[in-house]
C-alpha atoms as a PDB file:
ATOM      1  CA  MET A   1      69.413  81.869  33.940  1.00  0.00           C
ATOM      2  CA  PHE A   2      71.555  80.777  30.992  1.00  0.00           C
ATOM      3  CA  LEU A   3      74.243  79.317  33.260  1.00  0.00           C
ATOM      4  CA  THR A   4      71.688  77.427  35.349  1.00  0.00           C
ATOM      5  CA  GLY A   5      70.217  75.966  32.185  1.00  0.00           C
ATOM      6  CA  PHE A   6      73.705  74.963  31.066  1.00  0.00           C
ATOM      7  CA  ARG A   7      74.281  73.106  34.339  1.00  0.00           C
ATOM      8  CA  ASN A   8      70.952  71.331  34.004  1.00  0.00           C
ATOM      9  CA  LEU A   9      71.919  70.335  30.484  1.00  0.00           C
ATOM     10  CA  ILE A  10      75.102  68.695  31.773  1.00  0.00           C
ATOM     11  CA  VAL A  11      73.118  66.807  34.423  1.00  0.00           C
ATOM     12  CA  LEU A  12      70.652  65.670  31.765  1.00  0.00           C
ATOM     13  CA  LEU A  13      73.516  64.447  29.593  1.00  0.00           C
ATOM     14  CA  VAL A  14      74.836  62.386  32.505  1.00  0.00           C
ATOM     15  CA  LEU A  15      71.357  60.978  33.119  1.00  0.00           C
ATOM     16  CA  ALA A  16      71.038  60.152  29.432  1.00  0.00           C
ATOM     17  CA  ALA A  17      74.288  58.191  29.662  1.00  0.00           C
ATOM     18  CA  VAL A  18      73.597  56.433  32.984  1.00  0.00           C
ATOM     19  CA  LEU A  19      69.888  55.629  32.738  1.00  0.00           C
ATOM     20  CA  PRO A  20      70.010  53.338  29.665  1.00  0.00           C
ATOM     21  CA  LEU A  21      72.900  51.350  31.111  1.00  0.00           C
ATOM     22  CA  GLY A  22      71.220  51.133  34.500  1.00  0.00           C
ATOM     23  CA  ALA A  23      67.886  50.194  32.975  1.00  0.00           C
ATOM     24  CA  ALA A  24      69.547  47.423  30.961  1.00  0.00           C
ATOM     25  CA  TRP A  25      71.284  46.158  34.106  1.00  0.00           C
ATOM     26  CA  LEU A  26      68.049  46.178  36.099  1.00  0.00           C
ATOM     27  CA  HIS A  27      66.230  44.466  33.248  1.00  0.00           C
ATOM     28  CA  MET A  28      68.794  41.666  33.234  1.00  0.00           C
ATOM     29  CA  ALA A  29      68.529  41.309  37.022  1.00  0.00           C
ATOM     30  CA  ALA A  30      64.720  41.274  36.860  1.00  0.00           C
ATOM     31  CA  SER A  31      64.786  38.730  34.028  1.00  0.00           C
ATOM     32  CA  GLU A  32      67.115  36.510  36.023  1.00  0.00           C
ATOM     33  CA  LYS A  33      64.791  36.819  39.023  1.00  0.00           C
ATOM     34  CA  THR A  34      61.805  35.834  36.872  1.00  0.00           C
ATOM     35  CA  ARG A  35      63.687  32.877  35.382  1.00  0.00           C
ATOM     36  CA  THR A  36      64.744  31.718  38.838  1.00  0.00           C
ATOM     37  CA  GLU A  37      61.178  31.891  40.120  1.00  0.00           C
ATOM     38  CA  ALA A  38      59.886  29.974  37.099  1.00  0.00           C
ATOM     39  CA  SER A  39      62.560  27.283  37.401  1.00  0.00           C
ATOM     40  CA  SER A  40      61.872  27.016  41.146  1.00  0.00           C
ATOM     41  CA  MET A  41      58.179  26.467  40.467  1.00  0.00           C
ATOM     42  CA  ASP A  42      59.029  23.814  37.878  1.00  0.00           C
ATOM     43  CA  TRP A  43      61.417  22.122  40.286  1.00  0.00           C
ATOM     44  CA  ILE A  44      58.944  21.863  43.161  1.00  0.00           C
ATOM     45  CA  SER A  45      56.167  20.782  40.764  1.00  0.00           C
ATOM     46  CA  ASN A  46      58.364  17.953  39.522  1.00  0.00           C
ATOM     47  CA  ALA A  47      59.202  17.033  43.119  1.00  0.00           C
ATOM     48  CA  VAL A  48      55.556  16.553  44.121  1.00  0.00           C
ATOM     49  CA  LEU A  49      54.739  14.656  40.911  1.00  0.00           C
ATOM     50  CA  LEU A  50      57.677  12.325  41.517  1.00  0.00           C
ATOM     51  CA  ARG A  51      56.426  11.722  45.062  1.00  0.00           C
ATOM     52  CA  ARG A  52      52.962  10.884  43.713  1.00  0.00           C
ATOM     53  CA  ASP A  53      54.367   8.469  41.130  1.00  0.00           C
ATOM     54  CA  ASP A  54      56.648   6.883  43.710  1.00  0.00           C
ATOM     55  CA  PHE A  55      53.710   6.269  46.040  1.00  0.00           C
ATOM     56  CA  LYS A  56      51.756   4.765  43.162  1.00  0.00           C
ATOM     57  CA  HIS A  57      54.621   2.317  42.707  1.00  0.00           C
ATOM     58  CA  ALA A  58      54.453   1.541  46.433  1.00  0.00           C
ATOM     59  CA  ILE A  59      50.740   0.718  46.119  1.00  0.00           C
ATOM     60  CA  GLU A  60      51.443  -1.423  43.075  1.00  0.00           C
ATOM     61  CA  GLY A  61      54.112  -3.225  45.086  1.00  0.00           C
ATOM     62  CA  ALA A  62      51.605  -3.872  47.872  1.00  0.00           C
ATOM     63  CA  SER A  63      49.137  -5.246  45.320  1.00  0.00           C
ATOM     64  CA  GLN A  64      51.780  -7.561  43.879  1.00  0.00           C
ATOM     65  CA  PHE A  65      52.710  -8.697  47.369  1.00  0.00           C
ATOM     66  CA  ALA A  66      49.062  -9.423  48.215  1.00  0.00           C
ATOM     67  CA  MET A  67      48.618 -11.444  45.022  1.00  0.00           C
ATOM     68  CA  THR A  68      51.755 -13.427  45.834  1.00  0.00           C
ATOM     69  CA  MET A  69      50.443 -14.257  49.300  1.00  0.00           C
ATOM     70  CA  ALA A  70      47.108 -15.288  47.771  1.00  0.00           C
ATOM     71  CA  MET A  71      48.938 -17.895  45.697  1.00  0.00           C
ATOM     72  CA  VAL A  72      50.394 -19.633  48.759  1.00  0.00           C
ATOM     73  CA  GLY A  73      49.464 -23.300  48.521  1.00  0.00           C
ATOM     74  CA  ASP A  74      46.868 -24.419  51.056  1.00  0.00           C
ATOM     75  CA  HIS A  75      46.607 -20.896  52.430  1.00  0.00           C
ATOM     76  CA  GLU A  76      43.786 -21.946  54.757  1.00  0.00           C
ATOM     77  CA  ARG A  77      46.207 -24.069  56.758  1.00  0.00           C
ATOM     78  CA  TYR A  78      48.997 -21.459  56.450  1.00  0.00           C
ATOM     79  CA  PHE A  79      46.976 -18.519  57.753  1.00  0.00           C
ATOM     80  CA  ARG A  80      45.225 -20.517  60.477  1.00  0.00           C
ATOM     81  CA  ASP A  81      48.430 -22.031  61.788  1.00  0.00           C
ATOM     82  CA  PRO A  82      49.323 -20.824  65.334  1.00  0.00           C
ATOM     83  CA  SER A  83      52.716 -19.631  64.032  1.00  0.00           C
ATOM     84  CA  CYS A  84      51.104 -17.487  61.315  1.00  0.00           C
ATOM     85  CA  SER A  85      51.396 -14.223  63.235  1.00  0.00           C
ATOM     86  CA  LYS A  86      55.096 -14.779  63.917  1.00  0.00           C
ATOM     87  CA  LYS A  87      55.744 -15.554  60.260  1.00  0.00           C
ATOM     88  CA  LEU A  88      53.984 -12.366  59.192  1.00  0.00           C
ATOM     89  CA  ALA A  89      55.851 -10.369  61.867  1.00  0.00           C
ATOM     90  CA  ASP A  90      59.184 -11.648  60.527  1.00  0.00           C
ATOM     91  CA  LEU A  91      58.048 -10.726  57.036  1.00  0.00           C
ATOM     92  CA  LYS A  92      56.975  -7.239  58.121  1.00  0.00           C
ATOM     93  CA  ALA A  93      60.377  -6.606  59.706  1.00  0.00           C
ATOM     94  CA  ALA A  94      61.867  -6.675  56.216  1.00  0.00           C
ATOM     95  CA  PHE A  95      59.366  -4.102  54.928  1.00  0.00           C
ATOM     96  CA  PRO A  96      59.233  -1.100  57.306  1.00  0.00           C
ATOM     97  CA  ALA A  97      56.887   0.871  55.033  1.00  0.00           C
ATOM     98  CA  TYR A  98      54.042  -1.522  55.891  1.00  0.00           C
ATOM     99  CA  ALA A  99      51.907  -1.037  58.978  1.00  0.00           C
ATOM    100  CA  ASN A 100      50.634  -4.602  59.096  1.00  0.00           C
ATOM    101  CA  PHE A 101      49.987  -7.875  57.300  1.00  0.00           C
ATOM    102  CA  THR A 102      46.751  -9.588  58.285  1.00  0.00           C
ATOM    103  CA  PHE A 103      44.556 -12.547  57.468  1.00  0.00           C
ATOM    104  CA  ILE A 104      40.864 -11.877  57.932  1.00  0.00           C
ATOM    105  CA  GLU A 105      38.210 -14.568  58.089  1.00  0.00           C
ATOM    106  CA  ALA A 106      35.185 -14.266  55.823  1.00  0.00           C
ATOM    107  CA  ASN A 107      33.171 -12.900  58.756  1.00  0.00           C
ATOM    108  CA  GLY A 108      35.697 -10.068  59.305  1.00  0.00           C
ATOM    109  CA  ASP A 109      37.591 -11.491  62.296  1.00  0.00           C
ATOM    110  CA  ILE A 110      41.365 -10.968  62.206  1.00  0.00           C
ATOM    111  CA  THR A 111      42.960 -14.302  63.122  1.00  0.00           C
ATOM    112  CA  CYS A 112      46.544 -13.679  61.997  1.00  0.00           C
ATOM    113  CA  SER A 113      48.395 -10.367  62.320  1.00  0.00           C
ATOM    114  CA  ALA A 114      52.008  -9.237  62.041  1.00  0.00           C
ATOM    115  CA  THR A 115      51.223  -6.600  64.677  1.00  0.00           C
ATOM    116  CA  PRO A 116      50.041  -8.062  67.999  1.00  0.00           C
ATOM    117  CA  LEU A 117      46.292  -7.752  68.446  1.00  0.00           C
ATOM    118  CA  PRO A 118      45.089  -5.870  71.554  1.00  0.00           C
ATOM    119  CA  GLY A 119      42.099  -8.205  71.640  1.00  0.00           C
ATOM    120  CA  LYS A 120      39.483  -9.503  69.282  1.00  0.00           C
ATOM    121  CA  ALA A 121      39.329  -7.383  66.132  1.00  0.00           C
ATOM    122  CA  ASN A 122      36.684  -7.424  63.428  1.00  0.00           C
ATOM    123  CA  ILE A 123      36.877  -5.297  60.273  1.00  0.00           C
ATOM    124  CA  ALA A 124      33.765  -6.477  58.465  1.00  0.00           C
ATOM    125  CA  ASP A 125      32.717  -2.855  57.953  1.00  0.00           C
ATOM    126  CA  ILE A 126      35.905  -1.807  56.112  1.00  0.00           C
ATOM    127  CA  ILE A 127      35.245  -1.187  52.428  1.00  0.00           C
ATOM    128  CA  SER A 128      38.428  -2.780  51.094  1.00  0.00           C
ATOM    129  CA  PHE A 129      37.627  -6.010  52.988  1.00  0.00           C
ATOM    130  CA  ARG A 130      34.068  -6.168  51.673  1.00  0.00           C
ATOM    131  CA  LEU A 131      35.171  -5.534  48.096  1.00  0.00           C
ATOM    132  CA  ALA A 132      37.992  -8.086  48.306  1.00  0.00           C
ATOM    133  CA  LEU A 133      35.529 -10.835  49.293  1.00  0.00           C
ATOM    134  CA  VAL A 134      33.682 -10.492  45.985  1.00  0.00           C
ATOM    135  CA  SER A 135      36.566  -9.577  43.665  1.00  0.00           C
ATOM    136  CA  ALA A 136      39.528 -11.466  42.268  1.00  0.00           C
ATOM    137  CA  ALA A 137      41.697  -8.342  41.963  1.00  0.00           C
ATOM    138  CA  PRO A 138      43.421  -6.498  44.828  1.00  0.00           C
ATOM    139  CA  GLN A 139      41.241  -3.799  46.349  1.00  0.00           C
ATOM    140  CA  ILE A 140      42.769  -0.501  47.471  1.00  0.00           C
ATOM    141  CA  GLY A 141      40.954   1.170  50.320  1.00  0.00           C
ATOM    142  CA  PRO A 142      40.742   4.831  51.317  1.00  0.00           C
ATOM    143  CA  PRO A 143      43.130   6.404  53.829  1.00  0.00           C
ATOM    144  CA  GLU A 144      42.065   5.350  57.309  1.00  0.00           C
ATOM    145  CA  GLN A 145      43.251   4.731  60.827  1.00  0.00           C
ATOM    146  CA  GLY A 146      44.754   1.276  61.198  1.00  0.00           C
ATOM    147  CA  PRO A 147      42.287  -1.190  62.751  1.00  0.00           C
ATOM    148  CA  VAL A 148      45.121  -2.792  64.739  1.00  0.00           C
ATOM    149  CA  ALA A 149      47.843  -0.137  64.870  1.00  0.00           C
ATOM    150  CA  LYS A 150      45.407   2.680  65.602  1.00  0.00           C
ATOM    151  CA  SER A 151      48.103   5.336  65.849  1.00  0.00           C
ATOM    152  CA  LYS A 152      48.937   4.932  62.160  1.00  0.00           C
ATOM    153  CA  MET A 153      47.234   6.222  59.032  1.00  0.00           C
ATOM    154  CA  ILE A 154      47.218   3.514  56.380  1.00  0.00           C
ATOM    155  CA  ILE A 155      46.165   2.625  52.855  1.00  0.00           C
ATOM    156  CA  PRO A 156      44.891  -0.987  52.966  1.00  0.00           C
ATOM    157  CA  VAL A 157      45.423  -3.293  49.998  1.00  0.00           C
ATOM    158  CA  ALA A 158      43.298  -6.444  50.289  1.00  0.00           C
ATOM    159  CA  ILE A 159      42.796  -9.531  48.151  1.00  0.00           C
ATOM    160  CA  GLY A 160      40.242 -12.288  48.499  1.00  0.00           C
ATOM    161  CA  LEU A 161      41.373 -15.869  49.140  1.00  0.00           C
ATOM    162  CA  LYS A 162      39.592 -18.888  47.686  1.00  0.00           C
ATOM    163  CA  ASN A 163      40.061 -22.595  48.220  1.00  0.00           C
ATOM    164  CA  ALA A 164      40.379 -25.251  45.537  1.00  0.00           C
ATOM    165  CA  GLU A 165      36.598 -25.326  45.120  1.00  0.00           C
ATOM    166  CA  GLY A 166      36.516 -21.567  44.527  1.00  0.00           C
ATOM    167  CA  LYS A 167      34.881 -20.843  47.853  1.00  0.00           C
ATOM    168  CA  SER A 168      35.887 -17.646  49.654  1.00  0.00           C
ATOM    169  CA  THR A 169      37.923 -18.435  52.747  1.00  0.00           C
ATOM    170  CA  GLY A 170      38.967 -14.976  53.826  1.00  0.00           C
ATOM    171  CA  VAL A 171      41.059 -11.968  52.872  1.00  0.00           C
ATOM    172  CA  PHE A 172      44.750 -11.142  53.055  1.00  0.00           C
ATOM    173  CA  ALA A 173      45.576  -7.449  53.578  1.00  0.00           C
ATOM    174  CA  ALA A 174      48.813  -5.493  53.373  1.00  0.00           C
ATOM    175  CA  SER A 175      48.531  -2.025  54.925  1.00  0.00           C
ATOM    176  CA  VAL A 176      50.889   0.706  53.733  1.00  0.00           C
ATOM    177  CA  ASP A 177      51.941   2.964  56.621  1.00  0.00           C
ATOM    178  CA  LEU A 178      51.801   6.488  55.177  1.00  0.00           C
ATOM    179  CA  SER A 179      54.132   8.063  57.734  1.00  0.00           C
ATOM    180  CA  ALA A 180      56.633   5.208  57.481  1.00  0.00           C
ATOM    181  CA  TYR A 181      56.528   5.393  53.694  1.00  0.00           C
ATOM    182  CA  LEU A 182      57.268   9.125  53.685  1.00  0.00           C
ATOM    183  CA  ALA A 183      60.006   8.764  56.294  1.00  0.00           C
ATOM    184  CA  GLU A 184      61.666   5.964  54.329  1.00  0.00           C
ATOM    185  CA  SER A 185      61.304   7.589  50.910  1.00  0.00           C
ATOM    186  CA  THR A 186      62.699  10.925  52.136  1.00  0.00           C
ATOM    187  CA  ALA A 187      65.442   9.448  54.322  1.00  0.00           C
ATOM    188  CA  THR A 188      68.117  10.506  51.861  1.00  0.00           C
ATOM    189  CA  ALA A 189      69.321  14.106  51.916  1.00  0.00           C
ATOM    190  CA  GLN A 190      66.642  16.347  50.440  1.00  0.00           C
ATOM    191  CA  PRO A 191      67.464  19.502  48.480  1.00  0.00           C
ATOM    192  CA  MET A 192      66.475  22.486  50.587  1.00  0.00           C
ATOM    193  CA  ASN A 193      64.022  22.215  53.485  1.00  0.00           C
ATOM    194  CA  ILE A 194      61.274  20.515  51.499  1.00  0.00           C
ATOM    195  CA  VAL A 195      58.288  19.126  53.418  1.00  0.00           C
ATOM    196  CA  TYR A 196      55.954  16.514  51.917  1.00  0.00           C
ATOM    197  CA  THR A 197      52.415  16.226  53.250  1.00  0.00           C
ATOM    198  CA  PHE A 198      49.523  13.853  52.553  1.00  0.00           C
ATOM    199  CA  TRP A 199      46.097  15.459  53.112  1.00  0.00           C
ATOM    200  CA  SER A 200      42.728  13.754  53.413  1.00  0.00           C
ATOM    201  CA  ASP A 201      39.732  15.270  51.661  1.00  0.00           C
ATOM    202  CA  GLU A 202      38.574  16.501  55.079  1.00  0.00           C
ATOM    203  CA  GLY A 203      41.788  18.416  55.747  1.00  0.00           C
ATOM    204  CA  VAL A 204      43.394  15.906  58.124  1.00  0.00           C
ATOM    205  CA  ILE A 205      47.143  15.527  57.696  1.00  0.00           C
ATOM    206  CA  LEU A 206      47.590  11.821  56.991  1.00  0.00           C
ATOM    207  CA  ALA A 207      51.383  11.929  56.953  1.00  0.00           C
ATOM    208  CA  ARG A 208      54.121  14.546  56.888  1.00  0.00           C
ATOM    209  CA  SER A 209      57.885  14.383  56.510  1.00  0.00           C
ATOM    210  CA  PRO A 210      59.654  15.895  58.240  1.00  0.00           C
ATOM    211  CA  ASP A 211      56.954  16.504  60.834  1.00  0.00           C
ATOM    212  CA  ILE A 212      58.728  18.845  63.233  1.00  0.00           C
ATOM    213  CA  GLU A 213      55.447  20.396  64.413  1.00  0.00           C
ATOM    214  CA  GLY A 214      53.815  16.990  65.040  1.00  0.00           C
ATOM    215  CA  LEU A 215      50.850  17.694  62.755  1.00  0.00           C
ATOM    216  CA  ALA A 216      50.293  14.144  61.470  1.00  0.00           C
ATOM    217  CA  GLY A 217      46.812  12.941  62.374  1.00  0.00           C
ATOM    218  CA  LYS A 218      45.554  16.454  63.115  1.00  0.00           C
ATOM    219  CA  SER A 219      43.068  18.535  61.164  1.00  0.00           C
ATOM    220  CA  GLN A 220      44.451  21.525  59.293  1.00  0.00           C
ATOM    221  CA  ALA A 221      41.321  22.216  57.264  1.00  0.00           C
ATOM    222  CA  ASP A 222      41.780  25.974  57.727  1.00  0.00           C
ATOM    223  CA  ALA A 223      45.297  25.952  56.230  1.00  0.00           C
ATOM    224  CA  PRO A 224      45.461  28.237  53.148  1.00  0.00           C
ATOM    225  CA  ILE A 225      46.964  25.520  50.949  1.00  0.00           C
ATOM    226  CA  PHE A 226      44.188  23.040  51.802  1.00  0.00           C
ATOM    227  CA  GLN A 227      41.505  25.674  51.288  1.00  0.00           C
ATOM    228  CA  MET A 228      42.899  26.388  47.844  1.00  0.00           C
ATOM    229  CA  MET A 229      43.120  22.690  46.890  1.00  0.00           C
ATOM    230  CA  ASN A 230      39.707  21.830  48.294  1.00  0.00           C
ATOM    231  CA  GLN A 231      37.831  24.735  46.730  1.00  0.00           C
ATOM    232  CA  GLY A 232      39.649  24.966  43.407  1.00  0.00           C
ATOM    233  CA  ALA A 233      39.163  22.990  40.230  1.00  0.00           C
ATOM    234  CA  LEU A 234      42.866  22.294  39.641  1.00  0.00           C
ATOM    235  CA  ARG A 235      44.244  18.841  40.364  1.00  0.00           C
ATOM    236  CA  SER A 236      47.856  19.994  40.215  1.00  0.00           C
ATOM    237  CA  GLY A 237      49.506  23.379  40.530  1.00  0.00           C
ATOM    238  CA  THR A 238      51.680  25.740  42.543  1.00  0.00           C
ATOM    239  CA  ALA A 239      50.970  28.481  45.048  1.00  0.00           C
ATOM    240  CA  ARG A 240      52.740  30.948  47.325  1.00  0.00           C
ATOM    241  CA  LEU A 241      50.989  30.828  50.691  1.00  0.00           C
ATOM    242  CA  ALA A 242      51.615  30.822  54.429  1.00  0.00           C
ATOM    243  CA  GLY A 243      52.260  27.365  55.865  1.00  0.00           C
ATOM    244  CA  PRO A 244      50.857  25.862  59.092  1.00  0.00           C
ATOM    245  CA  ASP A 245      53.829  27.410  60.918  1.00  0.00           C
ATOM    246  CA  GLY A 246      53.015  30.885  59.558  1.00  0.00           C
ATOM    247  CA  VAL A 247      56.088  30.992  57.295  1.00  0.00           C
ATOM    248  CA  GLU A 248      55.484  31.888  53.649  1.00  0.00           C
ATOM    249  CA  LYS A 249      56.130  28.877  51.436  1.00  0.00           C
ATOM    250  CA  ILE A 250      56.186  27.893  47.802  1.00  0.00           C
ATOM    251  CA  TYR A 251      53.823  24.944  47.404  1.00  0.00           C
ATOM    252  CA  ALA A 252      53.247  22.394  44.692  1.00  0.00           C
ATOM    253  CA  PHE A 253      50.233  20.128  44.991  1.00  0.00           C
ATOM    254  CA  THR A 254      48.753  17.192  43.143  1.00  0.00           C
ATOM    255  CA  ARG A 255      45.951  14.687  43.498  1.00  0.00           C
ATOM    256  CA  PHE A 256      46.479  10.960  44.122  1.00  0.00           C
ATOM    257  CA  GLU A 257      43.690   8.623  43.078  1.00  0.00           C
ATOM    258  CA  ASP A 258      43.751   4.849  42.818  1.00  0.00           C
ATOM    259  CA  GLN A 259      40.438   3.067  43.372  1.00  0.00           C
ATOM    260  CA  ALA A 260      39.199   4.239  46.792  1.00  0.00           C
ATOM    261  CA  ALA A 261      42.567   5.733  47.781  1.00  0.00           C
ATOM    262  CA  ARG A 262      42.112   9.442  47.164  1.00  0.00           C
ATOM    263  CA  PHE A 263      44.019  12.269  48.824  1.00  0.00           C
ATOM    264  CA  TRP A 264      46.178  15.338  48.194  1.00  0.00           C
ATOM    265  CA  ILE A 265      49.967  15.500  48.166  1.00  0.00           C
ATOM    266  CA  THR A 266      51.853  18.754  48.722  1.00  0.00           C
ATOM    267  CA  ALA A 267      55.500  19.722  48.721  1.00  0.00           C
ATOM    268  CA  GLY A 268      56.457  22.977  50.421  1.00  0.00           C
ATOM    269  CA  VAL A 269      59.683  24.968  50.674  1.00  0.00           C
ATOM    270  CA  PRO A 270      60.164  28.293  52.508  1.00  0.00           C
ATOM    271  CA  ALA A 271      59.890  31.071  49.934  1.00  0.00           C
ATOM    272  CA  ALA A 272      62.928  32.850  51.363  1.00  0.00           C
ATOM    273  CA  GLU A 273      65.055  29.757  50.811  1.00  0.00           C
ATOM    274  CA  LEU A 274      63.813  29.021  47.308  1.00  0.00           C
ATOM    275  CA  LEU A 275      63.606  32.565  45.941  1.00  0.00           C
ATOM    276  CA  GLY A 276      65.887  34.429  48.351  1.00  0.00           C
ATOM    277  CA  PRO A 277      69.106  34.365  46.266  1.00  0.00           C
ATOM    278  CA  SER A 278      67.451  35.829  43.156  1.00  0.00           C
ATOM    279  CA  GLN A 279      65.609  38.453  45.205  1.00  0.00           C
ATOM    280  CA  ARG A 280      68.821  39.465  46.961  1.00  0.00           C
ATOM    281  CA  SER A 281      70.623  39.760  43.615  1.00  0.00           C
ATOM    282  CA  TYR A 282      67.860  41.994  42.300  1.00  0.00           C
ATOM    283  CA  GLN A 283      67.931  44.166  45.436  1.00  0.00           C
ATOM    284  CA  ILE A 284      71.714  44.506  45.154  1.00  0.00           C
ATOM    285  CA  ALA A 285      71.407  45.523  41.497  1.00  0.00           C
ATOM    286  CA  LEU A 286      68.712  48.067  42.363  1.00  0.00           C
ATOM    287  CA  THR A 287      70.798  49.506  45.212  1.00  0.00           C
ATOM    288  CA  LEU A 288      73.957  49.765  43.105  1.00  0.00           C
ATOM    289  CA  PHE A 289      72.028  51.406  40.280  1.00  0.00           C
ATOM    290  CA  SER A 290      70.566  53.971  42.685  1.00  0.00           C
ATOM    291  CA  LEU A 291      74.008  54.719  44.116  1.00  0.00           C
ATOM    292  CA  ALA A 292      75.523  55.005  40.636  1.00  0.00           C
ATOM    293  CA  LEU A 293      72.739  57.364  39.575  1.00  0.00           C
ATOM    294  CA  LEU A 294      73.184  59.572  42.635  1.00  0.00           C
ATOM    295  CA  ALA A 295      76.962  59.559  42.230  1.00  0.00           C
ATOM    296  CA  GLY A 296      76.707  60.452  38.542  1.00  0.00           C
ATOM    297  CA  VAL A 297      74.261  63.302  39.109  1.00  0.00           C
ATOM    298  CA  GLY A 298      76.238  64.591  42.092  1.00  0.00           C
ATOM    299  CA  THR A 299      79.526  64.473  40.196  1.00  0.00           C
ATOM    300  CA  ALA A 300      77.994  66.220  37.193  1.00  0.00           C
ATOM    301  CA  TRP A 301      76.549  68.919  39.441  1.00  0.00           C
ATOM    302  CA  ILE A 302      79.810  69.547  41.290  1.00  0.00           C
ATOM    303  CA  PHE A 303      81.910  69.404  38.121  1.00  0.00           C
ATOM    304  CA  SER A 304      79.656  71.793  36.231  1.00  0.00           C
ATOM    305  CA  GLU A 305      79.584  74.151  39.187  1.00  0.00           C
ATOM    306  CA  THR A 306      83.326  74.267  39.940  1.00  0.00           C
ATOM    307  CA  ALA A 307      84.976  73.574  36.598  1.00  0.00           C
ATOM    308  CA  ILE A 308      82.587  75.291  34.186  1.00  0.00           C
ATOM    309  CA  LEU A 309      79.996  77.566  35.730  1.00  0.00           C
ATOM    310  CA  LYS A 310      82.247  79.322  38.215  1.00  0.00           C
ATOM    311  CA  PRO A 311      84.790  80.421  35.546  1.00  0.00           C
ATOM    312  CA  LEU A 312      81.930  81.358  33.235  1.00  0.00           C
ATOM    313  CA  ARG A 313      80.417  83.553  35.936  1.00  0.00           C
ATOM    314  CA  ARG A 314      83.753  85.311  36.334  1.00  0.00           C
ATOM    315  CA  LEU A 315      83.974  85.826  32.598  1.00  0.00           C
ATOM    316  CA  HIS A 316      80.435  87.128  32.640  1.00  0.00           C
ATOM    317  CA  ASP A 317      81.322  89.556  35.423  1.00  0.00           C
ATOM    318  CA  LEU A 318      84.439  90.625  33.489  1.00  0.00           C
ATOM    319  CA  ALA A 319      82.433  91.247  30.347  1.00  0.00           C
ATOM    320  CA  SER A 320      79.949  93.282  32.339  1.00  0.00           C
ATOM    321  CA  SER A 321      82.798  95.316  33.839  1.00  0.00           C
ATOM    322  CA  PHE A 322      84.278  96.005  30.401  1.00  0.00           C
ATOM    323  CA  ALA A 323      80.879  96.999  29.141  1.00  0.00           C
ATOM    324  CA  GLN A 324      80.660  99.535  31.969  1.00  0.00           C
ATOM    325  CA  GLY A 325      84.088 100.986  31.129  1.00  0.00           C
ATOM    326  CA  GLU A 326      86.186  99.067  33.638  1.00  0.00           C
ATOM    327  CA  ARG A 327      89.205  98.501  31.381  1.00  0.00           C
ATOM    328  CA  LEU A 328      91.453  97.143  34.113  1.00  0.00           C
ATOM    329  CA  ALA A 329      89.092  94.382  35.272  1.00  0.00           C
ATOM    330  CA  ARG A 330      90.712  90.937  35.516  1.00  0.00           C
ATOM    331  CA  VAL A 331      89.839  87.346  36.484  1.00  0.00           C
ATOM    332  CA  GLY A 332      91.871  84.620  38.156  1.00  0.00           C
ATOM    333  CA  LYS A 333      94.896  85.091  40.387  1.00  0.00           C
ATOM    334  CA  ASN A 334      95.764  88.529  39.019  1.00  0.00           C
ATOM    335  CA  ARG A 335      92.331  89.916  39.763  1.00  0.00           C
ATOM    336  CA  ARG A 336      93.255  91.311  43.196  1.00  0.00           C
ATOM    337  CA  ARG A 337      96.573  92.747  42.032  1.00  0.00           C
ATOM    338  CA  HIS A 338      95.034  94.451  39.030  1.00  0.00           C
ATOM    339  CA  GLY A 339      92.222  95.688  41.214  1.00  0.00           C
ATOM    340  CA  ASN A 340      94.752  97.448  43.463  1.00  0.00           C
ATOM    341  CA  SER A 341      96.495  98.944  40.409  1.00  0.00           C
ATOM    342  CA  ARG A 342      93.173 100.294  39.226  1.00  0.00           C
ATOM    343  CA  HIS A 343      92.609 102.072  42.533  1.00  0.00           C
ATOM    344  CA  ARG A 344      96.122 103.525  42.428  1.00  0.00           C
ATOM    345  CA  HIS A 345      95.521 104.713  38.877  1.00  0.00           C
ATOM    346  CA  ARG A 346      92.371 106.505  39.972  1.00  0.00           C
ATOM    347  CA  LEU A 347      94.261 108.204  42.808  1.00  0.00           C
END
C-alpha cells in the first residue's frame, strides 16, 4: 500500500509540473483564437461598411451627373433631337455601372433612351419620376426592375427639367445598375472568398457579386441572414449563419438608406476560411498538450515502477527475510548465488 501511494505521489508530481505549463499554453492558444475571431469580425464589418459608403458615393455621383444634364442649354431641343438616344448611348458606354440614361416627357413617355426601347414606354407611375416633376433636387427612387432593361435591378436617380419660363418640360433619369456596380467595384482581387449581396426589404436578392449560384433577382426570404436582419432591431452587425448554399459563413450586414432607396447590404465569408487557421492552431495545441500529458504520466509510471518501486520491493522482501531469520538473503545479481549457498549451508 505504501509503495503504491509512493508511485501515485510521483505521478501527481509530474502532473503538478505539466498541468500548469499546459494550461498556460492552452490559454495562450485560446486567447489567440479569440483575438483572431474578434479581428475577423471587425474586418468583415469594415468591409460591408466600406461597400455601403462606396455605393453612397455612387448615388451621389449619379445625382451630380443628373444635375449636370439638367443644366444643358436648351435641353428641350437636345433631348427631343432624333440623335438624342445615340448621344446617350455613347455616354453610357463610358459608364458601365449605369443601366440607362433616359429623358421622360412630363406625361411619363420615354422619348430618349441610351438603351433601345422595345416599344412605347411610359413610367408615369414610378415614384422617382413623379417626385422629380415637382422638385428641384434629384430624387432617388427605391430599388426596382428597370422599366427598359427589365432584366436589371436599378436605383433610379431623376431630376426635373424646366424651360426658361420655369415650366416643367420633363425629367432626366440616370439608373444605377446594381449588379454592374457590384461587379465593377469588386473587380479587383478580393481578400478571401467574400460575397457582397444587396437585399430588398422583401428578401429578393437585388445584386450579388460574385453570383456563382445565379441568385440575383430571386427571393431568398427564408435565408437565415435575411430573417435575422428583417426581424431584428439592429441596423448593422455580424452573425455566424448558414448561407444560401448551406455553407456556414461569417456575415456582416448594414442598412442603406437614401431617400426612397432602402435595402440591406451583406458581406459573407466561409467560416472555415476566416476562422480556420486559428481553430486549427488551437486544435494542434490541444492535441500536443494531451500527448505531452499522456507521455509525462506514462513515463512517470514506468520510471517509478522500474527504477524505484521494483528495487524497493526487493529491499522490502529482504527486510522481511531478515526479520524471519533468513541471514543469507540477498538482492540483485548475487541473490541466486547466495540462495544456493544458503541451501548448501542447510545441508
